[in-house]
Amino acid sequence: MFVDCRTDVTFEGEENIAVYDSSDWAERAFCKKCGSHLFYRLKHNNAHQMLVGQFQDQEKFHFDLQVYMDSKPAFYDFANKTRELTEAEVIDEFGPYEKK
């Protein structure tokens, strides 16, 4: 689960962060020491999606979006209602980004 932090992100210990291009429109980052996934970043606007487990105060978050719903296992369901996007809808909304 991720928190949309947009571009308001700062890091301590950046020397321990490895970033790689996961697609033409996004990057993923991992800790060089332990391998933990840290964030997903959209290249066109530098928006960060941070793992919710990285935050101590999780009470302020609201789960409101599920992505790649056409690929989810049939047994995997959440109780609350959310916005649900298929793979095509995710790509249409978040990337790849070409100036129109």
N, C-alpha and C. Protein backbone atom coordinates (compact mmCIF):
# COMPACT_ATOMS: atom_id res chain seq x y z
N MET A 1 0.84 -1.17 0.00
CA MET A 1 0.00 0.00 0.00
C MET A 1 0.89 1.24 0.00
N PHE A 2 0.47 2.21 -0.77
CA PHE A 2 1.27 3.41 -0.95
C PHE A 2 0.53 4.67 -0.54
N VAL A 3 1.31 5.70 -0.19
CA VAL A 3 0.80 7.03 0.10
C VAL A 3 1.30 7.95 -1.00
N ASP A 4 0.39 8.69 -1.61
CA ASP A 4 0.78 9.64 -2.66
C ASP A 4 1.34 10.89 -1.99
N CYS A 5 2.66 11.05 -2.01
CA CYS A 5 3.33 12.18 -1.36
C CYS A 5 3.63 13.30 -2.34
N ARG A 6 3.25 13.12 -3.57
CA ARG A 6 3.51 14.11 -4.61
C ARG A 6 5.01 14.41 -4.66
N THR A 7 5.41 15.67 -4.66
CA THR A 7 6.83 16.02 -4.74
C THR A 7 7.38 16.47 -3.40
N ASP A 8 6.55 16.46 -2.37
CA ASP A 8 6.95 16.94 -1.04
C ASP A 8 7.66 15.84 -0.28
N VAL A 9 8.87 15.45 -0.76
CA VAL A 9 9.60 14.33 -0.18
C VAL A 9 11.06 14.72 0.02
N THR A 10 11.59 14.44 1.19
CA THR A 10 13.02 14.60 1.45
C THR A 10 13.53 13.31 2.07
N PHE A 11 14.81 13.04 1.88
CA PHE A 11 15.39 11.80 2.39
C PHE A 11 16.62 12.09 3.23
N GLU A 12 16.81 11.29 4.26
CA GLU A 12 18.07 11.26 4.99
C GLU A 12 18.78 9.99 4.54
N GLY A 13 20.10 10.05 4.43
CA GLY A 13 20.86 8.86 4.03
C GLY A 13 20.68 8.49 2.57
N GLU A 14 20.60 9.49 1.69
CA GLU A 14 20.40 9.23 0.26
C GLU A 14 21.47 8.33 -0.34
N GLU A 15 22.65 8.28 0.29
CA GLU A 15 23.71 7.42 -0.22
C GLU A 15 23.33 5.94 -0.13
N ASN A 16 22.29 5.63 0.64
CA ASN A 16 21.82 4.25 0.80
C ASN A 16 20.64 3.91 -0.10
N ILE A 17 20.26 4.82 -0.99
CA ILE A 17 19.11 4.61 -1.85
C ILE A 17 19.57 4.31 -3.28
N ALA A 18 19.09 3.22 -3.82
CA ALA A 18 19.34 2.85 -5.22
C ALA A 18 18.06 3.06 -6.01
N VAL A 19 18.15 3.72 -7.16
CA VAL A 19 16.99 4.00 -8.00
C VAL A 19 17.22 3.37 -9.36
N TYR A 20 16.19 2.74 -9.92
CA TYR A 20 16.30 2.21 -11.27
C TYR A 20 15.04 2.52 -12.07
N ASP A 21 15.20 2.60 -13.38
CA ASP A 21 14.08 2.85 -14.29
C ASP A 21 13.26 1.57 -14.41
N SER A 22 12.05 1.59 -13.90
CA SER A 22 11.20 0.41 -14.00
C SER A 22 10.34 0.45 -15.26
N SER A 23 10.23 1.63 -15.87
CA SER A 23 9.51 1.78 -17.13
C SER A 23 9.94 3.09 -17.76
N ASP A 24 9.37 3.40 -18.91
CA ASP A 24 9.69 4.67 -19.56
C ASP A 24 9.16 5.86 -18.76
N TRP A 25 8.22 5.63 -17.87
CA TRP A 25 7.57 6.73 -17.17
C TRP A 25 7.68 6.69 -15.66
N ALA A 26 8.40 5.69 -15.10
CA ALA A 26 8.50 5.60 -13.64
C ALA A 26 9.83 4.99 -13.19
N GLU A 27 10.17 5.25 -11.93
CA GLU A 27 11.35 4.70 -11.29
C GLU A 27 10.94 4.05 -9.97
N ARG A 28 11.76 3.11 -9.52
CA ARG A 28 11.55 2.48 -8.22
C ARG A 28 12.85 2.62 -7.43
N ALA A 29 12.72 2.68 -6.12
CA ALA A 29 13.90 2.83 -5.28
C ALA A 29 13.91 1.77 -4.18
N PHE A 30 15.13 1.33 -3.84
CA PHE A 30 15.35 0.33 -2.81
C PHE A 30 16.48 0.76 -1.91
N CYS A 31 16.48 0.24 -0.69
CA CYS A 31 17.59 0.47 0.23
C CYS A 31 18.77 -0.40 -0.22
N LYS A 32 19.94 0.21 -0.38
CA LYS A 32 21.13 -0.53 -0.81
C LYS A 32 21.60 -1.52 0.25
N LYS A 33 21.24 -1.30 1.51
CA LYS A 33 21.72 -2.16 2.60
C LYS A 33 20.84 -3.38 2.82
N CYS A 34 19.52 -3.17 2.83
CA CYS A 34 18.63 -4.29 3.17
C CYS A 34 17.73 -4.74 2.01
N GLY A 35 17.64 -3.93 0.96
CA GLY A 35 16.82 -4.29 -0.19
C GLY A 35 15.35 -3.90 -0.09
N SER A 36 14.95 -3.25 1.00
CA SER A 36 13.55 -2.85 1.16
C SER A 36 13.13 -1.88 0.07
N HIS A 37 11.93 -2.09 -0.45
CA HIS A 37 11.37 -1.17 -1.43
C HIS A 37 11.01 0.12 -0.72
N LEU A 38 11.42 1.27 -1.27
CA LEU A 38 11.20 2.56 -0.61
C LEU A 38 10.13 3.41 -1.27
N PHE A 39 10.20 3.53 -2.60
CA PHE A 39 9.20 4.35 -3.27
C PHE A 39 9.13 4.05 -4.75
N TYR A 40 8.07 4.57 -5.33
CA TYR A 40 7.79 4.53 -6.77
C TYR A 40 7.65 5.99 -7.16
N ARG A 41 8.35 6.43 -8.21
CA ARG A 41 8.32 7.85 -8.60
C ARG A 41 7.99 8.00 -10.07
N LEU A 42 7.00 8.85 -10.37
CA LEU A 42 6.65 9.18 -11.75
C LEU A 42 7.66 10.18 -12.28
N LYS A 43 8.23 9.90 -13.44
CA LYS A 43 9.29 10.74 -14.00
C LYS A 43 8.80 12.10 -14.47
N HIS A 44 7.60 12.17 -15.04
CA HIS A 44 7.14 13.41 -15.66
C HIS A 44 6.90 14.53 -14.65
N ASN A 45 6.55 14.18 -13.40
CA ASN A 45 6.27 15.24 -12.43
C ASN A 45 6.95 15.03 -11.08
N ASN A 46 7.81 14.00 -10.99
CA ASN A 46 8.58 13.71 -9.78
C ASN A 46 7.69 13.36 -8.58
N ALA A 47 6.47 12.89 -8.83
CA ALA A 47 5.56 12.50 -7.75
C ALA A 47 6.00 11.17 -7.16
N HIS A 48 6.06 11.11 -5.83
CA HIS A 48 6.49 9.92 -5.10
C HIS A 48 5.30 9.17 -4.51
N GLN A 49 5.32 7.86 -4.63
CA GLN A 49 4.37 6.98 -3.97
C GLN A 49 5.20 6.22 -2.94
N MET A 50 4.99 6.53 -1.67
CA MET A 50 5.80 5.95 -0.58
C MET A 50 5.04 4.81 0.09
N LEU A 51 5.75 3.78 0.51
CA LEU A 51 5.13 2.68 1.23
C LEU A 51 4.53 3.18 2.54
N VAL A 52 3.29 2.82 2.81
CA VAL A 52 2.59 3.30 4.00
C VAL A 52 3.29 2.86 5.28
N GLY A 53 3.96 1.73 5.27
CA GLY A 53 4.66 1.22 6.44
C GLY A 53 5.83 2.07 6.88
N GLN A 54 6.26 3.01 6.07
CA GLN A 54 7.36 3.90 6.42
C GLN A 54 6.93 5.04 7.34
N PHE A 55 5.62 5.18 7.55
CA PHE A 55 5.09 6.28 8.35
C PHE A 55 4.62 5.78 9.71
N GLN A 56 4.98 6.48 10.77
CA GLN A 56 4.54 6.09 12.11
C GLN A 56 3.08 6.44 12.33
N ASP A 57 2.65 7.62 11.91
CA ASP A 57 1.27 8.07 12.11
C ASP A 57 0.44 7.72 10.87
N GLN A 58 -0.16 6.54 10.86
CA GLN A 58 -0.92 6.08 9.71
C GLN A 58 -2.41 6.39 9.83
N GLU A 59 -2.84 6.93 10.94
CA GLU A 59 -4.26 7.22 11.17
C GLU A 59 -4.81 8.26 10.20
N LYS A 60 -3.97 9.15 9.69
CA LYS A 60 -4.44 10.23 8.81
C LYS A 60 -4.67 9.77 7.36
N PHE A 61 -4.27 8.56 7.04
CA PHE A 61 -4.39 8.08 5.66
C PHE A 61 -5.76 7.46 5.41
N HIS A 62 -6.21 7.60 4.17
CA HIS A 62 -7.49 7.02 3.75
C HIS A 62 -7.24 6.18 2.49
N PHE A 63 -7.58 4.92 2.55
CA PHE A 63 -7.40 4.00 1.42
C PHE A 63 -8.52 4.24 0.42
N ASP A 64 -8.17 4.82 -0.76
CA ASP A 64 -9.22 5.21 -1.69
C ASP A 64 -8.97 4.83 -3.15
N LEU A 65 -7.89 4.09 -3.44
CA LEU A 65 -7.59 3.75 -4.83
C LEU A 65 -6.93 2.38 -4.91
N GLN A 66 -7.43 1.57 -5.84
CA GLN A 66 -6.80 0.29 -6.16
C GLN A 66 -6.47 0.29 -7.65
N VAL A 67 -5.29 -0.23 -7.99
CA VAL A 67 -4.86 -0.21 -9.38
C VAL A 67 -4.64 -1.63 -9.90
N TYR A 68 -4.64 -1.76 -11.23
CA TYR A 68 -4.46 -3.04 -11.93
C TYR A 68 -5.50 -4.06 -11.47
N MET A 69 -6.73 -3.60 -11.34
CA MET A 69 -7.81 -4.46 -10.86
C MET A 69 -8.10 -5.63 -11.80
N ASP A 70 -7.77 -5.49 -13.07
CA ASP A 70 -7.98 -6.58 -14.01
C ASP A 70 -6.96 -7.70 -13.83
N SER A 71 -5.95 -7.49 -12.99
CA SER A 71 -4.93 -8.50 -12.72
C SER A 71 -4.99 -9.06 -11.31
N LYS A 72 -5.89 -8.56 -10.49
CA LYS A 72 -5.93 -9.00 -9.09
C LYS A 72 -6.48 -10.42 -8.98
N PRO A 73 -6.00 -11.18 -8.00
CA PRO A 73 -6.55 -12.52 -7.78
C PRO A 73 -8.00 -12.43 -7.32
N ALA A 74 -8.80 -13.40 -7.70
CA ALA A 74 -10.23 -13.38 -7.37
C ALA A 74 -10.48 -13.41 -5.86
N PHE A 75 -9.58 -14.00 -5.09
CA PHE A 75 -9.77 -14.12 -3.64
C PHE A 75 -9.35 -12.86 -2.87
N TYR A 76 -8.83 -11.87 -3.56
CA TYR A 76 -8.24 -10.70 -2.92
C TYR A 76 -9.21 -9.53 -2.96
N ASP A 77 -9.84 -9.21 -1.82
CA ASP A 77 -10.82 -8.13 -1.76
C ASP A 77 -10.64 -7.32 -0.48
N PHE A 78 -10.91 -6.02 -0.56
CA PHE A 78 -10.90 -5.15 0.60
C PHE A 78 -12.33 -4.81 0.97
N ALA A 79 -12.58 -4.57 2.25
CA ALA A 79 -13.94 -4.31 2.74
C ALA A 79 -14.45 -2.94 2.31
N ASN A 80 -13.60 -1.92 2.34
CA ASN A 80 -14.09 -0.58 2.01
C ASN A 80 -14.13 -0.38 0.50
N LYS A 81 -15.00 0.50 0.07
CA LYS A 81 -15.14 0.82 -1.34
C LYS A 81 -14.06 1.82 -1.73
N THR A 82 -13.45 1.61 -2.88
CA THR A 82 -12.39 2.48 -3.39
C THR A 82 -12.62 2.73 -4.87
N ARG A 83 -11.88 3.66 -5.39
CA ARG A 83 -11.82 3.83 -6.84
C ARG A 83 -10.97 2.67 -7.37
N GLU A 84 -11.37 2.05 -8.45
CA GLU A 84 -10.67 0.89 -8.99
C GLU A 84 -10.29 1.15 -10.45
N LEU A 85 -8.99 1.00 -10.77
CA LEU A 85 -8.51 1.23 -12.13
C LEU A 85 -7.93 -0.05 -12.72
N THR A 86 -8.22 -0.30 -13.98
CA THR A 86 -7.59 -1.40 -14.70
C THR A 86 -6.19 -0.96 -15.12
N GLU A 87 -5.42 -1.88 -15.68
CA GLU A 87 -4.08 -1.53 -16.17
C GLU A 87 -4.14 -0.42 -17.21
N ALA A 88 -5.05 -0.53 -18.16
CA ALA A 88 -5.18 0.49 -19.21
C ALA A 88 -5.54 1.85 -18.61
N GLU A 89 -6.40 1.86 -17.61
CA GLU A 89 -6.79 3.11 -16.97
C GLU A 89 -5.63 3.73 -16.19
N VAL A 90 -4.81 2.89 -15.54
CA VAL A 90 -3.64 3.38 -14.81
C VAL A 90 -2.67 4.06 -15.78
N ILE A 91 -2.38 3.39 -16.89
CA ILE A 91 -1.45 3.95 -17.87
C ILE A 91 -2.03 5.21 -18.49
N ASP A 92 -3.32 5.21 -18.75
CA ASP A 92 -3.96 6.40 -19.32
C ASP A 92 -3.88 7.58 -18.36
N GLU A 93 -4.05 7.32 -17.06
CA GLU A 93 -4.07 8.41 -16.07
C GLU A 93 -2.69 8.84 -15.60
N PHE A 94 -1.76 7.91 -15.45
CA PHE A 94 -0.48 8.23 -14.82
C PHE A 94 0.73 8.17 -15.74
N GLY A 95 0.61 7.65 -16.94
CA GLY A 95 1.76 7.57 -17.83
C GLY A 95 1.52 6.58 -18.92
N PRO A 96 2.36 6.40 -19.90
CA PRO A 96 3.54 7.23 -20.10
C PRO A 96 3.14 8.65 -20.52
N TYR A 97 3.94 9.59 -20.15
CA TYR A 97 3.59 10.98 -20.38
C TYR A 97 4.34 11.58 -21.55
N GLU A 98 3.59 11.96 -22.53
CA GLU A 98 4.11 12.70 -23.67
C GLU A 98 3.31 13.99 -23.70
N LYS A 99 3.97 15.09 -23.89
CA LYS A 99 3.27 16.37 -23.94
C LYS A 99 2.32 16.37 -25.13
N LYS A 100 1.07 16.71 -24.89
CA LYS A 100 0.05 16.73 -25.94
C LYS A 100 -0.17 18.14 -26.42
